[in-house]
């Protein structure tokens, strides 16, 4: 069982939905990324998704697009993301870290070079937003060889055939996009989400994690019995951006505490 699967299983055994916050590497500055990662885990995150900045993040809404632009303007690269992971691993952070991004930077870096370096740096899994399962054989093989989970995405518009294909390949978890749209905080969970998750659950044995639009404790509470994990991204990115530099780590810890409903930090 991978570290990701173990973290999700531990949350399930504790009767809760695993919390998976998302931050963009290099936003608001590259120097702050390791500290924000530590703060998220210290506050109780089960897994953290670290966004790899890209110039054309087609699945992201305005908030995450802006974060990508800021990170790129600061010179953040795929190599810089790996360096940030290496840094927190040297500081005894053992919880799972998943890189989330787009295929082009990986191709430009070289898949055969990137995947072993990611594993050696301490990355646990990859989410490649624009890589369909039908075209993922090369990356999937490299991930399996190097002990990384390759996480696939499904949407409410996914066909039964696509769900079945993902079920055959899935490891770690399956990322269930809550809406047919882009990232961004929303007021409530979509009405059709339970039916979508039920359709996926009928075919997929891997844990199901929901993302796109989640931002409140009630969103996470509402996923109990439906999904195994919840991704909170845009709301957290907004919080970081709107907080003065010296207060960001503390505010991140507070926010994660609110989302989990747990007071007191843990390592």
C-alpha atoms as a PDB file:
ATOM      1  CA  UNK A   1       0.000   0.000   0.000  1.00  0.00           C
ATOM      2  CA  UNK A   2       1.370   3.408  -0.991  1.00  0.00           C
ATOM      3  CA  UNK A   3       1.757   6.272   1.462  1.00  0.00           C
ATOM      4  CA  UNK A   4      -1.218   7.969  -0.210  1.00  0.00           C
ATOM      5  CA  UNK A   5      -3.435   4.903   0.196  1.00  0.00           C
ATOM      6  CA  UNK A   6      -2.288   4.530   3.800  1.00  0.00           C
ATOM      7  CA  UNK A   7      -3.194   8.141   4.605  1.00  0.00           C
ATOM      8  CA  UNK A   8      -6.663   7.752   3.115  1.00  0.00           C
ATOM      9  CA  UNK A   9      -7.200   4.430   4.885  1.00  0.00           C
ATOM     10  CA  UNK A  10      -6.160   6.009   8.197  1.00  0.00           C
ATOM     11  CA  UNK A  11      -8.687   8.814   7.766  1.00  0.00           C
ATOM     12  CA  UNK A  12     -11.395   6.306   6.882  1.00  0.00           C
ATOM     13  CA  UNK A  13     -10.595   4.270   9.998  1.00  0.00           C
ATOM     14  CA  UNK A  14     -10.974   7.460  12.035  1.00  0.00           C
ATOM     15  CA  UNK A  15     -14.412   8.031  10.541  1.00  0.00           C
ATOM     16  CA  UNK A  16     -13.549  11.123   8.536  1.00  0.00           C
ATOM     17  CA  UNK A  17     -12.947  12.312   4.992  1.00  0.00           C
ATOM     18  CA  UNK A  18      -9.252  12.767   4.216  1.00  0.00           C
ATOM     19  CA  UNK A  19      -8.292  16.411   3.700  1.00  0.00           C
ATOM     20  CA  UNK A  20      -6.107  17.200   0.684  1.00  0.00           C
ATOM     21  CA  UNK A  21      -5.271  20.903   0.433  1.00  0.00           C
ATOM     22  CA  UNK A  22      -3.818  22.294  -2.789  1.00  0.00           C
ATOM     23  CA  UNK A  23      -1.240  25.047  -3.057  1.00  0.00           C
ATOM     24  CA  UNK A  24       0.632  26.304  -6.101  1.00  0.00           C
ATOM     25  CA  UNK A  25       4.401  25.874  -5.906  1.00  0.00           C
ATOM     26  CA  UNK A  26       6.083  29.258  -6.116  1.00  0.00           C
ATOM     27  CA  UNK A  27       3.001  31.205  -5.041  1.00  0.00           C
ATOM     28  CA  UNK A  28       3.149  33.743  -3.578  1.00  0.00           C
ATOM     29  CA  UNK A  29       6.950  33.268  -3.678  1.00  0.00           C
ATOM     30  CA  UNK A  30       9.144  30.178  -4.181  1.00  0.00           C
ATOM     31  CA  UNK A  31      10.849  30.715  -0.823  1.00  0.00           C
ATOM     32  CA  UNK A  32       7.523  30.314   1.011  1.00  0.00           C
ATOM     33  CA  UNK A  33       6.516  26.997  -0.543  1.00  0.00           C
ATOM     34  CA  UNK A  34       8.350  24.645   1.875  1.00  0.00           C
ATOM     35  CA  UNK A  35       7.034  26.532   4.909  1.00  0.00           C
ATOM     36  CA  UNK A  36       3.467  26.401   3.622  1.00  0.00           C
ATOM     37  CA  UNK A  37       3.785  22.663   2.994  1.00  0.00           C
ATOM     38  CA  UNK A  38       4.989  22.148   6.555  1.00  0.00           C
ATOM     39  CA  UNK A  39       2.184  24.310   7.914  1.00  0.00           C
ATOM     40  CA  UNK A  40      -0.475  22.304   6.079  1.00  0.00           C
ATOM     41  CA  UNK A  41       0.791  18.999   7.399  1.00  0.00           C
ATOM     42  CA  UNK A  42       1.362  20.330  10.899  1.00  0.00           C
ATOM     43  CA  UNK A  43      -2.241  21.531  10.976  1.00  0.00           C
ATOM     44  CA  UNK A  44      -3.658  18.139  10.012  1.00  0.00           C
ATOM     45  CA  UNK A  45      -3.674  17.735   6.225  1.00  0.00           C
ATOM     46  CA  UNK A  46      -3.596  14.079   5.207  1.00  0.00           C
ATOM     47  CA  UNK A  47      -2.134  14.630   1.742  1.00  0.00           C
ATOM     48  CA  UNK A  48      -1.016  17.842   0.046  1.00  0.00           C
ATOM     49  CA  UNK A  49      -1.333  18.526  -3.663  1.00  0.00           C
ATOM     50  CA  UNK A  50       1.473  20.776  -4.862  1.00  0.00           C
ATOM     51  CA  UNK A  51       0.646  22.526  -8.115  1.00  0.00           C
ATOM     52  CA  UNK A  52       3.278  22.667 -10.839  1.00  0.00           C
ATOM     53  CA  UNK A  53       2.909  26.098 -12.488  1.00  0.00           C
ATOM     54  CA  UNK A  54       2.038  26.115 -16.182  1.00  0.00           C
ATOM     55  CA  UNK A  55       1.380  28.904 -18.667  1.00  0.00           C
ATOM     56  CA  UNK A  56      -1.929  27.468 -19.918  1.00  0.00           C
ATOM     57  CA  UNK A  57      -3.751  25.837 -16.965  1.00  0.00           C
ATOM     58  CA  UNK A  58      -6.939  25.039 -18.866  1.00  0.00           C
ATOM     59  CA  UNK A  59      -8.752  23.313 -15.971  1.00  0.00           C
ATOM     60  CA  UNK A  60      -8.161  26.156 -13.523  1.00  0.00           C
ATOM     61  CA  UNK A  61     -10.344  29.135 -12.699  1.00  0.00           C
ATOM     62  CA  UNK A  62      -9.218  32.709 -12.190  1.00  0.00           C
ATOM     63  CA  UNK A  63      -7.688  32.174  -8.746  1.00  0.00           C
ATOM     64  CA  UNK A  64      -5.391  29.331  -9.698  1.00  0.00           C
ATOM     65  CA  UNK A  65      -4.599  30.882 -13.074  1.00  0.00           C
ATOM     66  CA  UNK A  66      -3.350  33.965 -11.243  1.00  0.00           C
ATOM     67  CA  UNK A  67      -1.305  31.798  -8.873  1.00  0.00           C
ATOM     68  CA  UNK A  68       0.300  30.068 -11.852  1.00  0.00           C
ATOM     69  CA  UNK A  69       1.183  33.408 -13.401  1.00  0.00           C
ATOM     70  CA  UNK A  70       2.718  34.688 -10.160  1.00  0.00           C
ATOM     71  CA  UNK A  71       4.742  31.514  -9.676  1.00  0.00           C
ATOM     72  CA  UNK A  72       6.073  31.578 -13.226  1.00  0.00           C
ATOM     73  CA  UNK A  73       6.951  35.268 -12.913  1.00  0.00           C
ATOM     74  CA  UNK A  74       9.018  34.344  -9.844  1.00  0.00           C
ATOM     75  CA  UNK A  75      10.877  31.723 -11.869  1.00  0.00           C
ATOM     76  CA  UNK A  76       9.289  28.594 -10.387  1.00  0.00           C
ATOM     77  CA  UNK A  77       9.920  25.511 -12.519  1.00  0.00           C
ATOM     78  CA  UNK A  78       9.305  21.790 -12.346  1.00  0.00           C
ATOM     79  CA  UNK A  79      12.832  21.374 -10.969  1.00  0.00           C
ATOM     80  CA  UNK A  80      11.986  23.999  -8.358  1.00  0.00           C
ATOM     81  CA  UNK A  81       8.945  21.979  -7.299  1.00  0.00           C
ATOM     82  CA  UNK A  82      11.145  18.936  -6.753  1.00  0.00           C
ATOM     83  CA  UNK A  83      13.582  21.041  -4.737  1.00  0.00           C
ATOM     84  CA  UNK A  84      10.747  22.218  -2.478  1.00  0.00           C
ATOM     85  CA  UNK A  85       9.742  18.594  -1.840  1.00  0.00           C
ATOM     86  CA  UNK A  86      13.350  17.630  -1.121  1.00  0.00           C
ATOM     87  CA  UNK A  87      13.608  20.443   1.397  1.00  0.00           C
ATOM     88  CA  UNK A  88      10.582  19.394   3.440  1.00  0.00           C
ATOM     89  CA  UNK A  89      11.624  15.748   3.311  1.00  0.00           C
ATOM     90  CA  UNK A  90      14.959  16.733   4.873  1.00  0.00           C
ATOM     91  CA  UNK A  91      12.918  18.278   7.693  1.00  0.00           C
ATOM     92  CA  UNK A  92      11.208  14.986   8.579  1.00  0.00           C
ATOM     93  CA  UNK A  93       7.900  15.636   6.802  1.00  0.00           C
ATOM     94  CA  UNK A  94       6.686  12.136   5.975  1.00  0.00           C
ATOM     95  CA  UNK A  95       3.089  12.698   4.836  1.00  0.00           C
ATOM     96  CA  UNK A  96       2.213  12.157   1.159  1.00  0.00           C
ATOM     97  CA  UNK A  97       2.846  14.877  -1.429  1.00  0.00           C
ATOM     98  CA  UNK A  98       1.242  14.725  -4.869  1.00  0.00           C
ATOM     99  CA  UNK A  99       2.360  16.928  -7.746  1.00  0.00           C
ATOM    100  CA  UNK A 100      -0.583  18.237  -9.755  1.00  0.00           C
ATOM    101  CA  UNK A 101      -0.095  19.857 -13.117  1.00  0.00           C
ATOM    102  CA  UNK A 102      -0.115  19.512 -16.880  1.00  0.00           C
ATOM    103  CA  UNK A 103       1.668  17.203 -19.275  1.00  0.00           C
ATOM    104  CA  UNK A 104       3.793  19.627 -21.269  1.00  0.00           C
ATOM    105  CA  UNK A 105       6.264  20.531 -18.478  1.00  0.00           C
ATOM    106  CA  UNK A 106       6.820  16.818 -17.827  1.00  0.00           C
ATOM    107  CA  UNK A 107       7.449  16.138 -21.497  1.00  0.00           C
ATOM    108  CA  UNK A 108       9.821  19.088 -21.749  1.00  0.00           C
ATOM    109  CA  UNK A 109      11.745  17.828 -18.711  1.00  0.00           C
ATOM    110  CA  UNK A 110      11.770  14.269 -20.072  1.00  0.00           C
ATOM    111  CA  UNK A 111       9.542  11.584 -18.570  1.00  0.00           C
ATOM    112  CA  UNK A 112      12.399   9.127 -18.156  1.00  0.00           C
ATOM    113  CA  UNK A 113      14.371  11.716 -16.220  1.00  0.00           C
ATOM    114  CA  UNK A 114      11.507  13.285 -14.306  1.00  0.00           C
ATOM    115  CA  UNK A 115       9.771  10.289 -12.729  1.00  0.00           C
ATOM    116  CA  UNK A 116      12.880   8.772 -11.028  1.00  0.00           C
ATOM    117  CA  UNK A 117      13.909  12.251  -9.826  1.00  0.00           C
ATOM    118  CA  UNK A 118      10.411  12.867  -8.436  1.00  0.00           C
ATOM    119  CA  UNK A 119      10.479   9.552  -6.569  1.00  0.00           C
ATOM    120  CA  UNK A 120      13.950  10.258  -5.201  1.00  0.00           C
ATOM    121  CA  UNK A 121      12.850  13.733  -4.071  1.00  0.00           C
ATOM    122  CA  UNK A 122      10.005  12.261  -2.021  1.00  0.00           C
ATOM    123  CA  UNK A 123       7.011  12.757  -4.311  1.00  0.00           C
ATOM    124  CA  UNK A 124       4.315  10.114  -3.775  1.00  0.00           C
ATOM    125  CA  UNK A 125       2.065  10.614  -6.784  1.00  0.00           C
ATOM    126  CA  UNK A 126       1.213  12.599  -9.893  1.00  0.00           C
ATOM    127  CA  UNK A 127      -2.016  14.153 -11.145  1.00  0.00           C
ATOM    128  CA  UNK A 128      -1.691  15.172 -14.790  1.00  0.00           C
ATOM    129  CA  UNK A 129      -4.851  17.090 -15.559  1.00  0.00           C
ATOM    130  CA  UNK A 130      -4.715  16.970 -19.352  1.00  0.00           C
ATOM    131  CA  UNK A 131      -3.438  13.403 -19.791  1.00  0.00           C
ATOM    132  CA  UNK A 132      -6.251  10.999 -20.758  1.00  0.00           C
ATOM    133  CA  UNK A 133      -5.868   7.378 -19.658  1.00  0.00           C
ATOM    134  CA  UNK A 134      -5.724   6.210 -23.273  1.00  0.00           C
ATOM    135  CA  UNK A 135      -2.457   8.126 -23.739  1.00  0.00           C
ATOM    136  CA  UNK A 136      -0.874   7.457 -20.351  1.00  0.00           C
ATOM    137  CA  UNK A 137       0.907   4.131 -20.897  1.00  0.00           C
ATOM    138  CA  UNK A 138       4.444   5.527 -20.889  1.00  0.00           C
ATOM    139  CA  UNK A 139       3.990   7.647 -17.766  1.00  0.00           C
ATOM    140  CA  UNK A 140       2.028   4.920 -15.990  1.00  0.00           C
ATOM    141  CA  UNK A 141       4.794   2.399 -16.634  1.00  0.00           C
ATOM    142  CA  UNK A 142       7.443   4.752 -15.282  1.00  0.00           C
ATOM    143  CA  UNK A 143       5.329   5.527 -12.210  1.00  0.00           C
ATOM    144  CA  UNK A 144       4.857   1.854 -11.460  1.00  0.00           C
ATOM    145  CA  UNK A 145       8.582   1.194 -11.868  1.00  0.00           C
ATOM    146  CA  UNK A 146       9.408   4.002  -9.431  1.00  0.00           C
ATOM    147  CA  UNK A 147       6.697   3.470  -6.830  1.00  0.00           C
ATOM    148  CA  UNK A 148       4.553   6.517  -7.651  1.00  0.00           C
ATOM    149  CA  UNK A 149       0.774   6.601  -7.873  1.00  0.00           C
ATOM    150  CA  UNK A 150      -0.585   8.034 -11.118  1.00  0.00           C
ATOM    151  CA  UNK A 151      -3.935   9.582 -10.258  1.00  0.00           C
ATOM    152  CA  UNK A 152      -6.584   9.855 -12.969  1.00  0.00           C
ATOM    153  CA  UNK A 153      -9.477  12.301 -13.166  1.00  0.00           C
ATOM    154  CA  UNK A 154     -13.135  11.587 -13.832  1.00  0.00           C
ATOM    155  CA  UNK A 155     -15.914  14.133 -14.361  1.00  0.00           C
ATOM    156  CA  UNK A 156     -19.720  13.969 -14.298  1.00  0.00           C
ATOM    157  CA  UNK A 157     -19.535  13.791 -18.091  1.00  0.00           C
ATOM    158  CA  UNK A 158     -17.247  10.715 -18.091  1.00  0.00           C
ATOM    159  CA  UNK A 159     -18.671   7.732 -19.921  1.00  0.00           C
ATOM    160  CA  UNK A 160     -18.977   4.278 -18.376  1.00  0.00           C
ATOM    161  CA  UNK A 161     -16.230   3.180 -20.765  1.00  0.00           C
ATOM    162  CA  UNK A 162     -13.886   5.900 -19.487  1.00  0.00           C
ATOM    163  CA  UNK A 163     -14.709   5.048 -15.872  1.00  0.00           C
ATOM    164  CA  UNK A 164     -13.900   1.392 -16.563  1.00  0.00           C
ATOM    165  CA  UNK A 165     -10.583   2.317 -18.173  1.00  0.00           C
ATOM    166  CA  UNK A 166      -9.605   4.420 -15.169  1.00  0.00           C
ATOM    167  CA  UNK A 167     -10.655   1.606 -12.835  1.00  0.00           C
ATOM    168  CA  UNK A 168      -8.146  -0.716 -14.520  1.00  0.00           C
ATOM    169  CA  UNK A 169      -5.269   1.734 -14.042  1.00  0.00           C
ATOM    170  CA  UNK A 170      -6.043   3.591 -10.824  1.00  0.00           C
ATOM    171  CA  UNK A 171      -3.744   3.642  -7.819  1.00  0.00           C
ATOM    172  CA  UNK A 172      -3.657   5.926  -4.800  1.00  0.00           C
ATOM    173  CA  UNK A 173      -7.066   7.422  -5.542  1.00  0.00           C
ATOM    174  CA  UNK A 174      -9.298   8.631  -8.346  1.00  0.00           C
ATOM    175  CA  UNK A 175      -9.847  12.388  -8.556  1.00  0.00           C
ATOM    176  CA  UNK A 176     -13.563  13.027  -9.090  1.00  0.00           C
ATOM    177  CA  UNK A 177     -14.188  16.496 -10.502  1.00  0.00           C
ATOM    178  CA  UNK A 178     -17.380  17.737  -8.869  1.00  0.00           C
ATOM    179  CA  UNK A 179     -18.545  19.861 -11.806  1.00  0.00           C
ATOM    180  CA  UNK A 180     -18.093  20.073 -15.548  1.00  0.00           C
ATOM    181  CA  UNK A 181     -16.103  23.273 -15.286  1.00  0.00           C
ATOM    182  CA  UNK A 182     -12.965  24.838 -13.848  1.00  0.00           C
ATOM    183  CA  UNK A 183     -11.587  25.166 -10.330  1.00  0.00           C
ATOM    184  CA  UNK A 184     -12.969  27.812  -7.982  1.00  0.00           C
ATOM    185  CA  UNK A 185     -14.649  28.020  -4.586  1.00  0.00           C
ATOM    186  CA  UNK A 186     -18.430  27.501  -4.648  1.00  0.00           C
ATOM    187  CA  UNK A 187     -21.191  27.867  -2.087  1.00  0.00           C
ATOM    188  CA  UNK A 188     -22.524  24.321  -2.108  1.00  0.00           C
ATOM    189  CA  UNK A 189     -21.899  20.842  -3.426  1.00  0.00           C
ATOM    190  CA  UNK A 190     -23.508  20.126  -6.816  1.00  0.00           C
ATOM    191  CA  UNK A 191     -26.880  18.383  -6.632  1.00  0.00           C
ATOM    192  CA  UNK A 192     -25.779  15.664  -9.010  1.00  0.00           C
ATOM    193  CA  UNK A 193     -22.600  14.809  -7.109  1.00  0.00           C
ATOM    194  CA  UNK A 194     -23.991  11.833  -5.117  1.00  0.00           C
ATOM    195  CA  UNK A 195     -25.269  10.168  -8.287  1.00  0.00           C
ATOM    196  CA  UNK A 196     -21.949  10.757 -10.062  1.00  0.00           C
ATOM    197  CA  UNK A 197     -19.933   9.316  -7.172  1.00  0.00           C
ATOM    198  CA  UNK A 198     -22.280   6.341  -6.921  1.00  0.00           C
ATOM    199  CA  UNK A 199     -21.748   5.623 -10.619  1.00  0.00           C
ATOM    200  CA  UNK A 200     -17.976   5.741 -10.183  1.00  0.00           C
ATOM    201  CA  UNK A 201     -18.030   3.726  -6.959  1.00  0.00           C
ATOM    202  CA  UNK A 202     -19.876   0.920  -8.719  1.00  0.00           C
ATOM    203  CA  UNK A 203     -16.884   0.389 -11.031  1.00  0.00           C
ATOM    204  CA  UNK A 204     -13.821   1.683  -9.176  1.00  0.00           C
ATOM    205  CA  UNK A 205     -12.211   0.001  -6.186  1.00  0.00           C
ATOM    206  CA  UNK A 206      -9.669   2.769  -5.512  1.00  0.00           C
ATOM    207  CA  UNK A 207     -10.528   5.560  -3.046  1.00  0.00           C
ATOM    208  CA  UNK A 208     -12.538   8.470  -4.472  1.00  0.00           C
ATOM    209  CA  UNK A 209     -11.450  12.050  -3.808  1.00  0.00           C
ATOM    210  CA  UNK A 210     -13.589  15.042  -4.768  1.00  0.00           C
ATOM    211  CA  UNK A 211     -12.199  18.364  -5.944  1.00  0.00           C
ATOM    212  CA  UNK A 212     -13.229  21.628  -7.666  1.00  0.00           C
ATOM    213  CA  UNK A 213     -15.322  24.004  -5.605  1.00  0.00           C
ATOM    214  CA  UNK A 214     -14.827  22.732  -2.043  1.00  0.00           C
ATOM    215  CA  UNK A 215     -14.022  25.400   0.530  1.00  0.00           C
ATOM    216  CA  UNK A 216     -16.085  24.908   3.719  1.00  0.00           C
ATOM    217  CA  UNK A 217     -16.270  22.386   6.577  1.00  0.00           C
ATOM    218  CA  UNK A 218     -19.833  21.542   5.557  1.00  0.00           C
ATOM    219  CA  UNK A 219     -18.613  20.581   2.088  1.00  0.00           C
ATOM    220  CA  UNK A 220     -16.239  18.042   3.579  1.00  0.00           C
ATOM    221  CA  UNK A 221     -18.855  16.823   6.065  1.00  0.00           C
ATOM    222  CA  UNK A 222     -21.278  16.407   3.165  1.00  0.00           C
ATOM    223  CA  UNK A 223     -18.941  13.940   1.476  1.00  0.00           C
ATOM    224  CA  UNK A 224     -19.070  11.430   4.337  1.00  0.00           C
ATOM    225  CA  UNK A 225     -20.369   8.152   3.005  1.00  0.00           C
ATOM    226  CA  UNK A 226     -19.903   9.347  -0.569  1.00  0.00           C
ATOM    227  CA  UNK A 227     -16.150   9.887  -0.992  1.00  0.00           C
ATOM    228  CA  UNK A 228     -12.892   9.171   0.784  1.00  0.00           C
ATOM    229  CA  UNK A 229     -11.153  12.528   0.391  1.00  0.00           C
ATOM    230  CA  UNK A 230     -11.709  16.202  -0.321  1.00  0.00           C
ATOM    231  CA  UNK A 231      -9.463  18.661  -2.152  1.00  0.00           C
ATOM    232  CA  UNK A 232      -9.579  22.308  -1.085  1.00  0.00           C
ATOM    233  CA  UNK A 233      -7.682  24.537  -3.484  1.00  0.00           C
ATOM    234  CA  UNK A 234      -8.873  27.931  -4.703  1.00  0.00           C
ATOM    235  CA  UNK A 235     -10.132  29.095  -1.300  1.00  0.00           C
ATOM    236  CA  UNK A 236      -6.751  28.261   0.236  1.00  0.00           C
ATOM    237  CA  UNK A 237      -4.830  29.927  -2.588  1.00  0.00           C
ATOM    238  CA  UNK A 238      -6.977  33.039  -2.104  1.00  0.00           C
ATOM    239  CA  UNK A 239      -6.329  33.016   1.642  1.00  0.00           C
ATOM    240  CA  UNK A 240      -2.576  32.806   1.142  1.00  0.00           C
ATOM    241  CA  UNK A 241      -2.606  35.592  -1.416  1.00  0.00           C
ATOM    242  CA  UNK A 242      -4.668  37.934   0.759  1.00  0.00           C
ATOM    243  CA  UNK A 243      -2.641  37.394   3.956  1.00  0.00           C
ATOM    244  CA  UNK A 244       0.466  39.463   4.814  1.00  0.00           C
ATOM    245  CA  UNK A 245       3.692  37.457   4.292  1.00  0.00           C
ATOM    246  CA  UNK A 246       4.566  37.083   7.961  1.00  0.00           C
ATOM    247  CA  UNK A 247       1.141  35.684   8.851  1.00  0.00           C
ATOM    248  CA  UNK A 248       0.586  33.186   6.039  1.00  0.00           C
ATOM    249  CA  UNK A 249       1.692  29.992   7.739  1.00  0.00           C
ATOM    250  CA  UNK A 250      -0.367  30.757  10.841  1.00  0.00           C
ATOM    251  CA  UNK A 251      -3.476  31.554   8.774  1.00  0.00           C
ATOM    252  CA  UNK A 252      -3.036  28.350   6.784  1.00  0.00           C
ATOM    253  CA  UNK A 253      -2.910  26.340  10.017  1.00  0.00           C
ATOM    254  CA  UNK A 254      -6.035  28.080  11.287  1.00  0.00           C
ATOM    255  CA  UNK A 255      -7.925  27.402   8.063  1.00  0.00           C
ATOM    256  CA  UNK A 256      -7.003  23.720   8.019  1.00  0.00           C
ATOM    257  CA  UNK A 257      -8.100  23.496  11.651  1.00  0.00           C
ATOM    258  CA  UNK A 258     -11.495  24.916  10.695  1.00  0.00           C
ATOM    259  CA  UNK A 259     -11.838  22.477   7.780  1.00  0.00           C
ATOM    260  CA  UNK A 260     -10.976  19.455   9.892  1.00  0.00           C
ATOM    261  CA  UNK A 261     -12.855  20.596  12.972  1.00  0.00           C
ATOM    262  CA  UNK A 262      -9.848  19.630  15.029  1.00  0.00           C
ATOM    263  CA  UNK A 263      -8.160  22.019  17.408  1.00  0.00           C
ATOM    264  CA  UNK A 264      -4.490  21.445  18.079  1.00  0.00           C
ATOM    265  CA  UNK A 265      -1.857  20.585  15.531  1.00  0.00           C
ATOM    266  CA  UNK A 266      -0.170  17.285  14.876  1.00  0.00           C
ATOM    267  CA  UNK A 267       2.975  16.279  13.059  1.00  0.00           C
END
